[in-house]
PDB file of N, CA and C in Angstrom:
ATOM      1  N   MET A   1      66.527 120.317 168.223  1.00  0.00           N
ATOM      2  CA  MET A   1      67.743 120.825 167.635  1.00  0.00           C
ATOM      3  C   MET A   1      68.675 121.294 168.728  1.00  0.00           C
ATOM      4  N   SER A   2      69.925 121.116 168.463  1.00  0.00           N
ATOM      5  CA  SER A   2      70.893 121.552 169.452  1.00  0.00           C
ATOM      6  C   SER A   2      71.124 123.053 169.329  1.00  0.00           C
ATOM      7  N   GLU A   3      71.574 123.627 170.423  1.00  0.00           N
ATOM      8  CA  GLU A   3      71.803 125.066 170.444  1.00  0.00           C
ATOM      9  C   GLU A   3      72.966 125.460 169.534  1.00  0.00           C
ATOM     10  N   SER A   4      73.969 124.578 169.408  1.00  0.00           N
ATOM     11  CA  SER A   4      75.115 124.894 168.542  1.00  0.00           C
ATOM     12  C   SER A   4      74.688 124.960 167.074  1.00  0.00           C
ATOM     13  N   PHE A   5      73.723 124.115 166.689  1.00  0.00           N
ATOM     14  CA  PHE A   5      73.219 124.158 165.314  1.00  0.00           C
ATOM     15  C   PHE A   5      72.516 125.480 165.048  1.00  0.00           C
ATOM     16  N   ILE A   6      71.700 125.926 165.996  1.00  0.00           N
ATOM     17  CA  ILE A   6      70.974 127.187 165.832  1.00  0.00           C
ATOM     18  C   ILE A   6      71.947 128.350 165.741  1.00  0.00           C
ATOM     19  N   VAL A   7      72.984 128.346 166.563  1.00  0.00           N
ATOM     20  CA  VAL A   7      73.992 129.401 166.534  1.00  0.00           C
ATOM     21  C   VAL A   7      74.716 129.378 165.185  1.00  0.00           C
ATOM     22  N   ALA A   8      75.044 128.171 164.678  1.00  0.00           N
ATOM     23  CA  ALA A   8      75.735 128.063 163.392  1.00  0.00           C
ATOM     24  C   ALA A   8      74.861 128.605 162.267  1.00  0.00           C
ATOM     25  N   VAL A   9      73.573 128.313 162.315  1.00  0.00           N
ATOM     26  CA  VAL A   9      72.660 128.820 161.291  1.00  0.00           C
ATOM     27  C   VAL A   9      72.571 130.339 161.373  1.00  0.00           C
ATOM     28  N   ASN A  10      72.493 130.879 162.570  1.00  0.00           N
ATOM     29  CA  ASN A  10      72.431 132.337 162.726  1.00  0.00           C
ATOM     30  C   ASN A  10      73.705 133.007 162.220  1.00  0.00           C
ATOM     31  N   VAL A  11      74.859 132.400 162.453  1.00  0.00           N
ATOM     32  CA  VAL A  11      76.124 132.954 161.983  1.00  0.00           C
ATOM     33  C   VAL A  11      76.155 132.946 160.460  1.00  0.00           C
ATOM     34  N   ARG A  12      75.671 131.857 159.852  1.00  0.00           N
ATOM     35  CA  ARG A  12      75.630 131.793 158.387  1.00  0.00           C
ATOM     36  C   ARG A  12      74.698 132.857 157.821  1.00  0.00           C
ATOM     37  N   ALA A  13      73.568 133.082 158.468  1.00  0.00           N
ATOM     38  CA  ALA A  13      72.624 134.098 157.986  1.00  0.00           C
ATOM     39  C   ALA A  13      73.248 135.483 158.062  1.00  0.00           C
ATOM     40  N   VAL A  14      73.955 135.766 159.149  1.00  0.00           N
ATOM     41  CA  VAL A  14      74.617 137.064 159.290  1.00  0.00           C
ATOM     42  C   VAL A  14      75.717 137.194 158.243  1.00  0.00           C
ATOM     43  N   ASP A  15      76.500 136.111 158.031  1.00  0.00           N
ATOM     44  CA  ASP A  15      77.566 136.147 157.029  1.00  0.00           C
ATOM     45  C   ASP A  15      76.998 136.368 155.633  1.00  0.00           C
ATOM     46  N   SER A  16      75.890 135.707 155.307  1.00  0.00           N
ATOM     47  CA  SER A  16      75.344 135.850 153.959  1.00  0.00           C
ATOM     48  C   SER A  16      74.768 137.245 153.744  1.00  0.00           C
ATOM     49  N   SER A  17      74.116 137.801 154.758  1.00  0.00           N
ATOM     50  CA  SER A  17      73.578 139.149 154.580  1.00  0.00           C
ATOM     51  C   SER A  17      74.713 140.175 154.491  1.00  0.00           C
ATOM     52  N   ALA A  18      75.801 139.951 155.217  1.00  0.00           N
ATOM     53  CA  ALA A  18      76.961 140.842 155.110  1.00  0.00           C
ATOM     54  C   ALA A  18      77.594 140.712 153.728  1.00  0.00           C
ATOM     55  N   ARG A  19      77.630 139.503 153.209  1.00  0.00           N
ATOM     56  CA  ARG A  19      78.199 139.279 151.868  1.00  0.00           C
ATOM     57  C   ARG A  19      77.339 139.966 150.803  1.00  0.00           C
ATOM     58  N   ILE A  20      76.031 139.907 150.951  1.00  0.00           N
ATOM     59  CA  ILE A  20      75.137 140.576 150.001  1.00  0.00           C
ATOM     60  C   ILE A  20      75.361 142.083 150.044  1.00  0.00           C
ATOM     61  N   ARG A  21      75.524 142.640 151.252  1.00  0.00           N
ATOM     62  CA  ARG A  21      75.803 144.072 151.363  1.00  0.00           C
ATOM     63  C   ARG A  21      77.132 144.432 150.690  1.00  0.00           C
ATOM     64  N   GLU A  22      78.141 143.571 150.854  1.00  0.00           N
ATOM     65  CA  GLU A  22      79.433 143.809 150.205  1.00  0.00           C
ATOM     66  C   GLU A  22      79.292 143.784 148.685  1.00  0.00           C
ATOM     67  N   LEU A  23      78.548 142.815 148.179  1.00  0.00           N
ATOM     68  CA  LEU A  23      78.357 142.721 146.726  1.00  0.00           C
ATOM     69  C   LEU A  23      77.611 143.930 146.187  1.00  0.00           C
ATOM     70  N   ARG A  24      76.575 144.353 146.890  1.00  0.00           N
ATOM     71  CA  ARG A  24      75.832 145.533 146.447  1.00  0.00           C
ATOM     72  C   ARG A  24      76.728 146.776 146.458  1.00  0.00           C
ATOM     73  N   ALA A  25      77.635 146.868 147.419  1.00  0.00           N
ATOM     74  CA  ALA A  25      78.539 148.018 147.500  1.00  0.00           C
ATOM     75  C   ALA A  25      79.479 148.064 146.295  1.00  0.00           C
ATOM     76  N   CYS A  26      79.812 146.910 145.733  1.00  0.00           N
ATOM     77  CA  CYS A  26      80.682 146.877 144.555  1.00  0.00           C
ATOM     78  C   CYS A  26      80.010 147.504 143.342  1.00  0.00           C
ATOM     79  N   PHE A  27      78.684 147.492 143.312  1.00  0.00           N
ATOM     80  CA  PHE A  27      77.966 147.976 142.144  1.00  0.00           C
ATOM     81  C   PHE A  27      77.350 149.360 142.349  1.00  0.00           C
ATOM     82  N   VAL A  28      77.754 150.057 143.406  1.00  0.00           N
ATOM     83  CA  VAL A  28      77.261 151.415 143.622  1.00  0.00           C
ATOM     84  C   VAL A  28      77.798 152.307 142.507  1.00  0.00           C
ATOM     85  N   GLY A  29      76.922 153.056 141.894  1.00  0.00           N
ATOM     86  CA  GLY A  29      77.315 153.930 140.796  1.00  0.00           C
ATOM     87  C   GLY A  29      77.326 153.234 139.444  1.00  0.00           C
ATOM     88  N   LYS A  30      77.100 151.933 139.425  1.00  0.00           N
ATOM     89  CA  LYS A  30      77.033 151.193 138.164  1.00  0.00           C
ATOM     90  C   LYS A  30      75.574 151.166 137.703  1.00  0.00           C
ATOM     91  N   PRO A  31      75.344 151.059 136.400  1.00  0.00           N
ATOM     92  CA  PRO A  31      73.956 151.081 135.918  1.00  0.00           C
ATOM     93  C   PRO A  31      73.191 149.797 136.201  1.00  0.00           C
ATOM     94  N   TYR A  32      73.878 148.733 136.581  1.00  0.00           N
ATOM     95  CA  TYR A  32      73.220 147.445 136.717  1.00  0.00           C
ATOM     96  C   TYR A  32      73.828 146.673 137.877  1.00  0.00           C
ATOM     97  N   CYS A  33      73.017 146.017 138.667  1.00  0.00           N
ATOM     98  CA  CYS A  33      73.483 145.126 139.724  1.00  0.00           C
ATOM     99  C   CYS A  33      72.849 143.749 139.493  1.00  0.00           C
ATOM    100  N   PRO A  34      73.643 142.684 139.381  1.00  0.00           N
ATOM    101  CA  PRO A  34      73.082 141.366 139.108  1.00  0.00           C
ATOM    102  C   PRO A  34      72.143 140.861 140.205  1.00  0.00           C
ATOM    103  N   LEU A  35      72.260 141.406 141.402  1.00  0.00           N
ATOM    104  CA  LEU A  35      71.396 140.970 142.495  1.00  0.00           C
ATOM    105  C   LEU A  35      69.966 141.487 142.343  1.00  0.00           C
ATOM    106  N   ASP A  36      69.752 142.429 141.426  1.00  0.00           N
ATOM    107  CA  ASP A  36      68.412 142.966 141.199  1.00  0.00           C
ATOM    108  C   ASP A  36      67.624 142.169 140.161  1.00  0.00           C
ATOM    109  N   ALA A  37      68.144 141.039 139.712  1.00  0.00           N
ATOM    110  CA  ALA A  37      67.470 140.243 138.683  1.00  0.00           C
ATOM    111  C   ALA A  37      66.176 139.656 139.238  1.00  0.00           C
ATOM    112  N   ASP A  38      65.170 139.561 138.359  1.00  0.00           N
ATOM    113  CA  ASP A  38      63.909 138.931 138.742  1.00  0.00           C
ATOM    114  C   ASP A  38      63.624 137.785 137.772  1.00  0.00           C
ATOM    115  N   THR A  39      62.442 137.203 137.840  1.00  0.00           N
ATOM    116  CA  THR A  39      62.126 136.044 137.008  1.00  0.00           C
ATOM    117  C   THR A  39      62.115 136.396 135.524  1.00  0.00           C
ATOM    118  N   VAL A  40      61.719 137.605 135.178  1.00  0.00           N
ATOM    119  CA  VAL A  40      61.731 138.009 133.762  1.00  0.00           C
ATOM    120  C   VAL A  40      63.170 138.094 133.270  1.00  0.00           C
ATOM    121  N   ASP A  41      64.057 138.665 134.071  1.00  0.00           N
ATOM    122  CA  ASP A  41      65.466 138.737 133.695  1.00  0.00           C
ATOM    123  C   ASP A  41      66.048 137.342 133.494  1.00  0.00           C
ATOM    124  N   LEU A  42      65.700 136.426 134.387  1.00  0.00           N
ATOM    125  CA  LEU A  42      66.224 135.067 134.273  1.00  0.00           C
ATOM    126  C   LEU A  42      65.668 134.349 133.052  1.00  0.00           C
ATOM    127  N   ALA A  43      64.403 134.584 132.715  1.00  0.00           N
ATOM    128  CA  ALA A  43      63.811 133.946 131.543  1.00  0.00           C
ATOM    129  C   ALA A  43      64.443 134.459 130.255  1.00  0.00           C
ATOM    130  N   LEU A  44      64.843 135.723 130.234  1.00  0.00           N
ATOM    131  CA  LEU A  44      65.434 136.318 129.042  1.00  0.00           C
ATOM    132  C   LEU A  44      66.960 136.328 129.085  1.00  0.00           C
ATOM    133  N   PHE A  45      67.530 135.610 130.044  1.00  0.00           N
ATOM    134  CA  PHE A  45      68.970 135.615 130.262  1.00  0.00           C
ATOM    135  C   PHE A  45      69.701 135.018 129.065  1.00  0.00           C
ATOM    136  N   ALA A  46      70.589 135.795 128.485  1.00  0.00           N
ATOM    137  CA  ALA A  46      71.359 135.328 127.333  1.00  0.00           C
ATOM    138  C   ALA A  46      72.604 134.598 127.820  1.00  0.00           C
ATOM    139  N   VAL A  47      72.940 133.517 127.144  1.00  0.00           N
ATOM    140  CA  VAL A  47      74.071 132.692 127.545  1.00  0.00           C
ATOM    141  C   VAL A  47      75.085 132.668 126.414  1.00  0.00           C
ATOM    142  N   GLY A  48      76.333 132.769 126.763  1.00  0.00           N
ATOM    143  CA  GLY A  48      77.395 132.676 125.772  1.00  0.00           C
ATOM    144  C   GLY A  48      78.586 133.517 126.184  1.00  0.00           C
ATOM    145  N   TRP A  49      79.703 133.262 125.525  1.00  0.00           N
ATOM    146  CA  TRP A  49      80.932 133.974 125.853  1.00  0.00           C
ATOM    147  C   TRP A  49      80.783 135.476 125.645  1.00  0.00           C
ATOM    148  N   ARG A  50      80.137 135.844 124.550  1.00  0.00           N
ATOM    149  CA  ARG A  50      79.973 137.268 124.232  1.00  0.00           C
ATOM    150  C   ARG A  50      79.193 137.977 125.336  1.00  0.00           C
ATOM    151  N   TRP A  51      78.149 137.325 125.834  1.00  0.00           N
ATOM    152  CA  TRP A  51      77.329 137.941 126.879  1.00  0.00           C
ATOM    153  C   TRP A  51      78.045 137.943 128.220  1.00  0.00           C
ATOM    154  N   LEU A  52      78.865 136.919 128.478  1.00  0.00           N
ATOM    155  CA  LEU A  52      79.648 136.893 129.711  1.00  0.00           C
ATOM    156  C   LEU A  52      80.628 138.055 129.739  1.00  0.00           C
ATOM    157  N   VAL A  53      81.321 138.269 128.624  1.00  0.00           N
ATOM    158  CA  VAL A  53      82.276 139.383 128.541  1.00  0.00           C
ATOM    159  C   VAL A  53      81.539 140.718 128.672  1.00  0.00           C
ATOM    160  N   HIS A  54      80.380 140.816 128.041  1.00  0.00           N
ATOM    161  CA  HIS A  54      79.576 142.050 128.137  1.00  0.00           C
ATOM    162  C   HIS A  54      79.206 142.332 129.593  1.00  0.00           C
ATOM    163  N   ASP A  55      78.745 141.295 130.308  1.00  0.00           N
ATOM    164  CA  ASP A  55      78.360 141.487 131.711  1.00  0.00           C
ATOM    165  C   ASP A  55      79.561 141.801 132.592  1.00  0.00           C
ATOM    166  N   LEU A  56      80.698 141.187 132.305  1.00  0.00           N
ATOM    167  CA  LEU A  56      81.912 141.491 133.073  1.00  0.00           C
ATOM    168  C   LEU A  56      82.307 142.955 132.896  1.00  0.00           C
ATOM    169  N   ARG A  57      82.273 143.419 131.664  1.00  0.00           N
ATOM    170  CA  ARG A  57      82.636 144.821 131.413  1.00  0.00           C
ATOM    171  C   ARG A  57      81.640 145.774 132.030  1.00  0.00           C
ATOM    172  N   LEU A  58      80.379 145.390 132.012  1.00  0.00           N
ATOM    173  CA  LEU A  58      79.343 146.232 132.595  1.00  0.00           C
ATOM    174  C   LEU A  58      79.497 146.320 134.113  1.00  0.00           C
ATOM    175  N   GLY A  59      79.813 145.189 134.736  1.00  0.00           N
ATOM    176  CA  GLY A  59      79.914 145.160 136.192  1.00  0.00           C
ATOM    177  C   GLY A  59      81.247 145.592 136.750  1.00  0.00           C
ATOM    178  N   LEU A  60      82.317 145.263 136.054  1.00  0.00           N
ATOM    179  CA  LEU A  60      83.644 145.518 136.611  1.00  0.00           C
ATOM    180  C   LEU A  60      84.389 146.672 135.963  1.00  0.00           C
ATOM    181  N   GLY A  61      83.976 147.070 134.795  1.00  0.00           N
ATOM    182  CA  GLY A  61      84.738 148.077 134.063  1.00  0.00           C
ATOM    183  C   GLY A  61      85.707 147.406 133.110  1.00  0.00           C
ATOM    184  N   ASP A  62      86.250 148.173 132.183  1.00  0.00           N
ATOM    185  CA  ASP A  62      87.095 147.607 131.129  1.00  0.00           C
ATOM    186  C   ASP A  62      88.403 147.048 131.657  1.00  0.00           C
ATOM    187  N   GLU A  63      89.060 147.754 132.568  1.00  0.00           N
ATOM    188  CA  GLU A  63      90.378 147.326 133.027  1.00  0.00           C
ATOM    189  C   GLU A  63      90.315 146.052 133.851  1.00  0.00           C
ATOM    190  N   ALA A  64      89.425 146.021 134.826  1.00  0.00           N
ATOM    191  CA  ALA A  64      89.332 144.847 135.703  1.00  0.00           C
ATOM    192  C   ALA A  64      88.793 143.645 134.941  1.00  0.00           C
ATOM    193  N   SER A  65      87.864 143.885 134.018  1.00  0.00           N
ATOM    194  CA  SER A  65      87.267 142.754 133.308  1.00  0.00           C
ATOM    195  C   SER A  65      88.251 142.113 132.326  1.00  0.00           C
ATOM    196  N   ALA A  66      89.229 142.876 131.846  1.00  0.00           N
ATOM    197  CA  ALA A  66      90.217 142.310 130.913  1.00  0.00           C
ATOM    198  C   ALA A  66      91.015 141.192 131.581  1.00  0.00           C
ATOM    199  N   GLY A  67      91.405 141.398 132.834  1.00  0.00           N
ATOM    200  CA  GLY A  67      92.136 140.356 133.567  1.00  0.00           C
ATOM    201  C   GLY A  67      91.281 139.135 133.838  1.00  0.00           C
ATOM    202  N   VAL A  68      90.036 139.360 134.216  1.00  0.00           N
ATOM    203  CA  VAL A  68      89.123 138.246 134.480  1.00  0.00           C
ATOM    204  C   VAL A  68      88.847 137.491 133.185  1.00  0.00           C
ATOM    205  N   GLU A  69      88.659 138.223 132.108  1.00  0.00           N
ATOM    206  CA  GLU A  69      88.405 137.604 130.802  1.00  0.00           C
ATOM    207  C   GLU A  69      89.579 136.732 130.374  1.00  0.00           C
ATOM    208  N   ALA A  70      90.796 137.224 130.552  1.00  0.00           N
ATOM    209  CA  ALA A  70      91.984 136.445 130.193  1.00  0.00           C
ATOM    210  C   ALA A  70      92.098 135.185 131.042  1.00  0.00           C
ATOM    211  N   ALA A  71      91.825 135.313 132.335  1.00  0.00           N
ATOM    212  CA  ALA A  71      91.897 134.144 133.222  1.00  0.00           C
ATOM    213  C   ALA A  71      90.847 133.108 132.842  1.00  0.00           C
ATOM    214  N   LEU A  72      89.641 133.555 132.509  1.00  0.00           N
ATOM    215  CA  LEU A  72      88.583 132.624 132.108  1.00  0.00           C
ATOM    216  C   LEU A  72      88.911 131.934 130.786  1.00  0.00           C
ATOM    217  N   ALA A  73      89.465 132.691 129.846  1.00  0.00           N
ATOM    218  CA  ALA A  73      89.841 132.092 128.554  1.00  0.00           C
ATOM    219  C   ALA A  73      90.954 131.074 128.744  1.00  0.00           C
ATOM    220  N   GLU A  74      91.912 131.391 129.618  1.00  0.00           N
ATOM    221  CA  GLU A  74      93.011 130.465 129.893  1.00  0.00           C
ATOM    222  C   GLU A  74      92.507 129.197 130.577  1.00  0.00           C
ATOM    223  N   ALA A  75      91.467 129.338 131.403  1.00  0.00           N
ATOM    224  CA  ALA A  75      90.896 128.180 132.106  1.00  0.00           C
ATOM    225  C   ALA A  75      90.009 127.332 131.197  1.00  0.00           C
ATOM    226  N   GLY A  76      89.731 127.806 129.985  1.00  0.00           N
ATOM    227  CA  GLY A  76      88.953 127.014 129.045  1.00  0.00           C
ATOM    228  C   GLY A  76      87.470 127.311 129.024  1.00  0.00           C
ATOM    229  N   VAL A  77      87.067 128.406 129.649  1.00  0.00           N
ATOM    230  CA  VAL A  77      85.642 128.739 129.690  1.00  0.00           C
ATOM    231  C   VAL A  77      85.124 129.093 128.301  1.00  0.00           C
ATOM    232  N   HIS A  78      85.948 129.778 127.510  1.00  0.00           N
ATOM    233  CA  HIS A  78      85.535 130.130 126.148  1.00  0.00           C
ATOM    234  C   HIS A  78      85.257 128.865 125.333  1.00  0.00           C
ATOM    235  N   ALA A  79      86.153 127.887 125.429  1.00  0.00           N
ATOM    236  CA  ALA A  79      85.958 126.617 124.724  1.00  0.00           C
ATOM    237  C   ALA A  79      84.739 125.869 125.264  1.00  0.00           C
ATOM    238  N   ALA A  80      84.495 125.972 126.566  1.00  0.00           N
ATOM    239  CA  ALA A  80      83.337 125.303 127.163  1.00  0.00           C
ATOM    240  C   ALA A  80      82.035 125.861 126.611  1.00  0.00           C
ATOM    241  N   PHE A  81      81.991 127.169 126.371  1.00  0.00           N
ATOM    242  CA  PHE A  81      80.790 127.754 125.768  1.00  0.00           C
ATOM    243  C   PHE A  81      80.584 127.223 124.348  1.00  0.00           C
ATOM    244  N   GLY A  82      81.680 127.021 123.607  1.00  0.00           N
ATOM    245  CA  GLY A  82      81.576 126.438 122.274  1.00  0.00           C
ATOM    246  C   GLY A  82      81.027 125.026 122.320  1.00  0.00           C
ATOM    247  N   VAL A  83      81.520 124.236 123.259  1.00  0.00           N
ATOM    248  CA  VAL A  83      81.018 122.868 123.431  1.00  0.00           C
ATOM    249  C   VAL A  83      79.546 122.893 123.815  1.00  0.00           C
ATOM    250  N   ARG A  84      79.180 123.805 124.698  1.00  0.00           N
ATOM    251  CA  ARG A  84      77.786 123.919 125.111  1.00  0.00           C
ATOM    252  C   ARG A  84      76.882 124.242 123.927  1.00  0.00           C
ATOM    253  N   ASP A  85      77.315 125.184 123.098  1.00  0.00           N
ATOM    254  CA  ASP A  85      76.520 125.539 121.914  1.00  0.00           C
ATOM    255  C   ASP A  85      76.329 124.338 120.995  1.00  0.00           C
ATOM    256  N   ASN A  86      77.401 123.566 120.811  1.00  0.00           N
ATOM    257  CA  ASN A  86      77.297 122.378 119.967  1.00  0.00           C
ATOM    258  C   ASN A  86      76.372 121.328 120.574  1.00  0.00           C
ATOM    259  N   LEU A  87      76.430 121.159 121.885  1.00  0.00           N
ATOM    260  CA  LEU A  87      75.550 120.192 122.545  1.00  0.00           C
ATOM    261  C   LEU A  87      74.088 120.614 122.456  1.00  0.00           C
ATOM    262  N   VAL A  88      73.831 121.897 122.587  1.00  0.00           N
ATOM    263  CA  VAL A  88      72.453 122.385 122.456  1.00  0.00           C
ATOM    264  C   VAL A  88      71.939 122.140 121.040  1.00  0.00           C
ATOM    265  N   SER A  89      72.778 122.389 120.050  1.00  0.00           N
ATOM    266  CA  SER A  89      72.378 122.127 118.661  1.00  0.00           C
ATOM    267  C   SER A  89      72.128 120.641 118.441  1.00  0.00           C
ATOM    268  N   TYR A  90      72.994 119.798 118.982  1.00  0.00           N
ATOM    269  CA  TYR A  90      72.839 118.347 118.864  1.00  0.00           C
ATOM    270  C   TYR A  90      71.541 117.892 119.520  1.00  0.00           C
ATOM    271  N   LYS A  91      71.233 118.462 120.677  1.00  0.00           N
ATOM    272  CA  LYS A  91      69.989 118.122 121.370  1.00  0.00           C
ATOM    273  C   LYS A  91      68.776 118.487 120.523  1.00  0.00           C
ATOM    274  N   LYS A  92      68.848 119.634 119.860  1.00  0.00           N
ATOM    275  CA  LYS A  92      67.727 120.057 119.014  1.00  0.00           C
ATOM    276  C   LYS A  92      67.553 119.115 117.825  1.00  0.00           C
ATOM    277  N   VAL A  93      68.671 118.663 117.254  1.00  0.00           N
ATOM    278  CA  VAL A  93      68.589 117.712 116.140  1.00  0.00           C
ATOM    279  C   VAL A  93      67.960 116.407 116.620  1.00  0.00           C
ATOM    280  N   LEU A  94      68.424 115.897 117.758  1.00  0.00           N
ATOM    281  CA  LEU A  94      67.871 114.656 118.295  1.00  0.00           C
ATOM    282  C   LEU A  94      66.393 114.795 118.632  1.00  0.00           C
ATOM    283  N   LEU A  95      65.996 115.932 119.155  1.00  0.00           N
ATOM    284  CA  LEU A  95      64.591 116.162 119.459  1.00  0.00           C
ATOM    285  C   LEU A  95      63.759 116.167 118.183  1.00  0.00           C
ATOM    286  N   GLY A  96      64.274 116.775 117.111  1.00  0.00           N
ATOM    287  CA  GLY A  96      63.573 116.762 115.831  1.00  0.00           C
ATOM    288  C   GLY A  96      63.429 115.358 115.271  1.00  0.00           C
ATOM    289  N   ILE A  97      64.501 114.556 115.378  1.00  0.00           N
ATOM    290  CA  ILE A  97      64.439 113.169 114.912  1.00  0.00           C
ATOM    291  C   ILE A  97      63.427 112.381 115.730  1.00  0.00           C
ATOM    292  N   TYR A  98      63.421 112.576 117.043  1.00  0.00           N
ATOM    293  CA  TYR A  98      62.471 111.873 117.904  1.00  0.00           C
ATOM    294  C   TYR A  98      61.034 112.237 117.539  1.00  0.00           C
ATOM    295  N   ARG A  99      60.773 113.522 117.362  1.00  0.00           N
ATOM    296  CA  ARG A  99      59.411 113.947 117.015  1.00  0.00           C
ATOM    297  C   ARG A  99      58.976 113.380 115.669  1.00  0.00           C
ATOM    298  N   SER A 100      59.888 113.351 114.706  1.00  0.00           N
ATOM    299  CA  SER A 100      59.570 112.755 113.407  1.00  0.00           C
ATOM    300  C   SER A 100      59.278 111.273 113.551  1.00  0.00           C
ATOM    301  N   GLY A 101      60.046 110.601 114.400  1.00  0.00           N
ATOM    302  CA  GLY A 101      59.828 109.171 114.634  1.00  0.00           C
ATOM    303  C   GLY A 101      58.488 108.898 115.283  1.00  0.00           C
ATOM    304  N   VAL A 102      58.085 109.740 116.214  1.00  0.00           N
ATOM    305  CA  VAL A 102      56.783 109.578 116.866  1.00  0.00           C
ATOM    306  C   VAL A 102      55.663 109.748 115.852  1.00  0.00           C
ATOM    307  N   CYS A 103      55.770 110.751 114.988  1.00  0.00           N
ATOM    308  CA  CYS A 103      54.748 110.964 113.949  1.00  0.00           C
ATOM    309  C   CYS A 103      54.714 109.793 112.985  1.00  0.00           C
ATOM    310  N   LEU A 104      55.878 109.288 112.582  1.00  0.00           N
ATOM    311  CA  LEU A 104      55.947 108.153 111.675  1.00  0.00           C
ATOM    312  C   LEU A 104      55.324 106.910 112.310  1.00  0.00           C
ATOM    313  N   SER A 105      55.638 106.671 113.556  1.00  0.00           N
ATOM    314  CA  SER A 105      55.060 105.523 114.258  1.00  0.00           C
ATOM    315  C   SER A 105      53.544 105.621 114.322  1.00  0.00           C
ATOM    316  N   HIS A 106      53.054 106.803 114.602  1.00  0.00           N
ATOM    317  CA  HIS A 106      51.604 107.017 114.660  1.00  0.00           C
ATOM    318  C   HIS A 106      50.968 106.773 113.286  1.00  0.00           C
ATOM    319  N   ASP A 107      51.590 107.286 112.251  1.00  0.00           N
ATOM    320  CA  ASP A 107      51.065 107.074 110.904  1.00  0.00           C
ATOM    321  C   ASP A 107      51.090 105.605 110.503  1.00  0.00           C
ATOM    322  N   LEU A 108      52.152 104.896 110.843  1.00  0.00           N
ATOM    323  CA  LEU A 108      52.235 103.471 110.512  1.00  0.00           C
ATOM    324  C   LEU A 108      51.174 102.660 111.245  1.00  0.00           C
ATOM    325  N   ARG A 109      50.940 102.979 112.512  1.00  0.00           N
ATOM    326  CA  ARG A 109      49.872 102.280 113.245  1.00  0.00           C
ATOM    327  C   ARG A 109      48.515 102.545 112.626  1.00  0.00           C
ATOM    328  N   ARG A 110      48.294 103.767 112.201  1.00  0.00           N
ATOM    329  CA  ARG A 110      47.027 104.110 111.576  1.00  0.00           C
ATOM    330  C   ARG A 110      46.850 103.349 110.260  1.00  0.00           C
ATOM    331  N   LEU A 111      47.901 103.276 109.444  1.00  0.00           N
ATOM    332  CA  LEU A 111      47.824 102.558 108.179  1.00  0.00           C
ATOM    333  C   LEU A 111      47.674 101.052 108.379  1.00  0.00           C
ATOM    334  N   ALA A 112      48.303 100.534 109.435  1.00  0.00           N
ATOM    335  CA  ALA A 112      48.215  99.095 109.693  1.00  0.00           C
ATOM    336  C   ALA A 112      46.791  98.664 110.023  1.00  0.00           C
ATOM    337  N   THR A 113      45.978  99.554 110.544  1.00  0.00           N
ATOM    338  CA  THR A 113      44.597  99.180 110.873  1.00  0.00           C
ATOM    339  C   THR A 113      43.783  98.905 109.621  1.00  0.00           C
ATOM    340  N   PHE A 114      44.158  99.474 108.477  1.00  0.00           N
ATOM    341  CA  PHE A 114      43.418  99.214 107.236  1.00  0.00           C
ATOM    342  C   PHE A 114      43.660  97.806 106.710  1.00  0.00           C
ATOM    343  N   PHE A 115      44.781  97.201 107.035  1.00  0.00           N
ATOM    344  CA  PHE A 115      45.124  95.899 106.504  1.00  0.00           C
ATOM    345  C   PHE A 115      44.880  94.770 107.500  1.00  0.00           C
ATOM    346  N   ARG A 116      44.292  95.060 108.604  1.00  0.00           N
ATOM    347  CA  ARG A 116      44.010  94.040 109.601  1.00  0.00           C
ATOM    348  C   ARG A 116      42.719  93.326 109.215  1.00  0.00           C
ATOM    349  N   MET A 117      42.779  92.009 109.194  1.00  0.00           N
ATOM    350  CA  MET A 117      41.589  91.221 108.875  1.00  0.00           C
ATOM    351  C   MET A 117      40.995  90.680 110.167  1.00  0.00           C
ATOM    352  N   PRO A 118      39.699  90.433 110.167  1.00  0.00           N
ATOM    353  CA  PRO A 118      39.094  89.826 111.349  1.00  0.00           C
ATOM    354  C   PRO A 118      39.677  88.425 111.592  1.00  0.00           C
ATOM    355  N   GLN A 119      39.605  87.951 112.808  1.00  0.00           N
ATOM    356  CA  GLN A 119      40.184  86.680 113.209  1.00  0.00           C
ATOM    357  C   GLN A 119      39.574  85.510 112.408  1.00  0.00           C
ATOM    358  N   ARG A 120      38.250  85.484 112.180  1.00  0.00           N
ATOM    359  CA  ARG A 120      37.598  84.372 111.476  1.00  0.00           C
ATOM    360  C   ARG A 120      38.081  84.280 110.032  1.00  0.00           C
ATOM    361  N   THR A 121      38.231  85.380 109.378  1.00  0.00           N
ATOM    362  CA  THR A 121      38.633  85.363 107.974  1.00  0.00           C
ATOM    363  C   THR A 121      40.072  84.900 107.827  1.00  0.00           C
ATOM    364  N   ARG A 122      40.911  85.209 108.759  1.00  0.00           N
ATOM    365  CA  ARG A 122      42.313  84.839 108.701  1.00  0.00           C
ATOM    366  C   ARG A 122      42.474  83.320 108.739  1.00  0.00           C
ATOM    367  N   ASN A 123      41.651  82.629 109.562  1.00  0.00           N
ATOM    368  CA  ASN A 123      41.749  81.187 109.695  1.00  0.00           C
ATOM    369  C   ASN A 123      41.247  80.454 108.466  1.00  0.00           C
ATOM    370  N   LEU A 124      40.290  81.010 107.716  1.00  0.00           N
ATOM    371  CA  LEU A 124      39.718  80.359 106.567  1.00  0.00           C
ATOM    372  C   LEU A 124      40.637  80.405 105.365  1.00  0.00           C
ATOM    373  N   SER A 125      41.446  81.393 105.241  1.00  0.00           N
ATOM    374  CA  SER A 125      42.263  81.508 104.033  1.00  0.00           C
ATOM    375  C   SER A 125      43.577  80.808 104.124  1.00  0.00           C
TER     376      SER A 125
END
């Protein structure tokens, strides 16, 4: 590896750790910091416009979050969450249809075995 690459990586590491310190400083005195999330928090993470607004208000306060909320709504994020919800519902419907089809196929194969005749008998009739 070249020395310039190593220096660039070290600069990025210093920049990222400084950025993390800056982010943590924004949440001093707040009841919650998003950087403290663990795997349980991520598994139980709620998704949707309502939860986004809730987290914005929790992290930024009512006044600052109102401006961010308006900018996000103007950019179409609220509508994007609606589309996402519809796509998730559509995926669930398709998954249900697929599972029903797999069960039906299995049942049809099972029933078809009752009507199968041996090769010798088929030729005689």
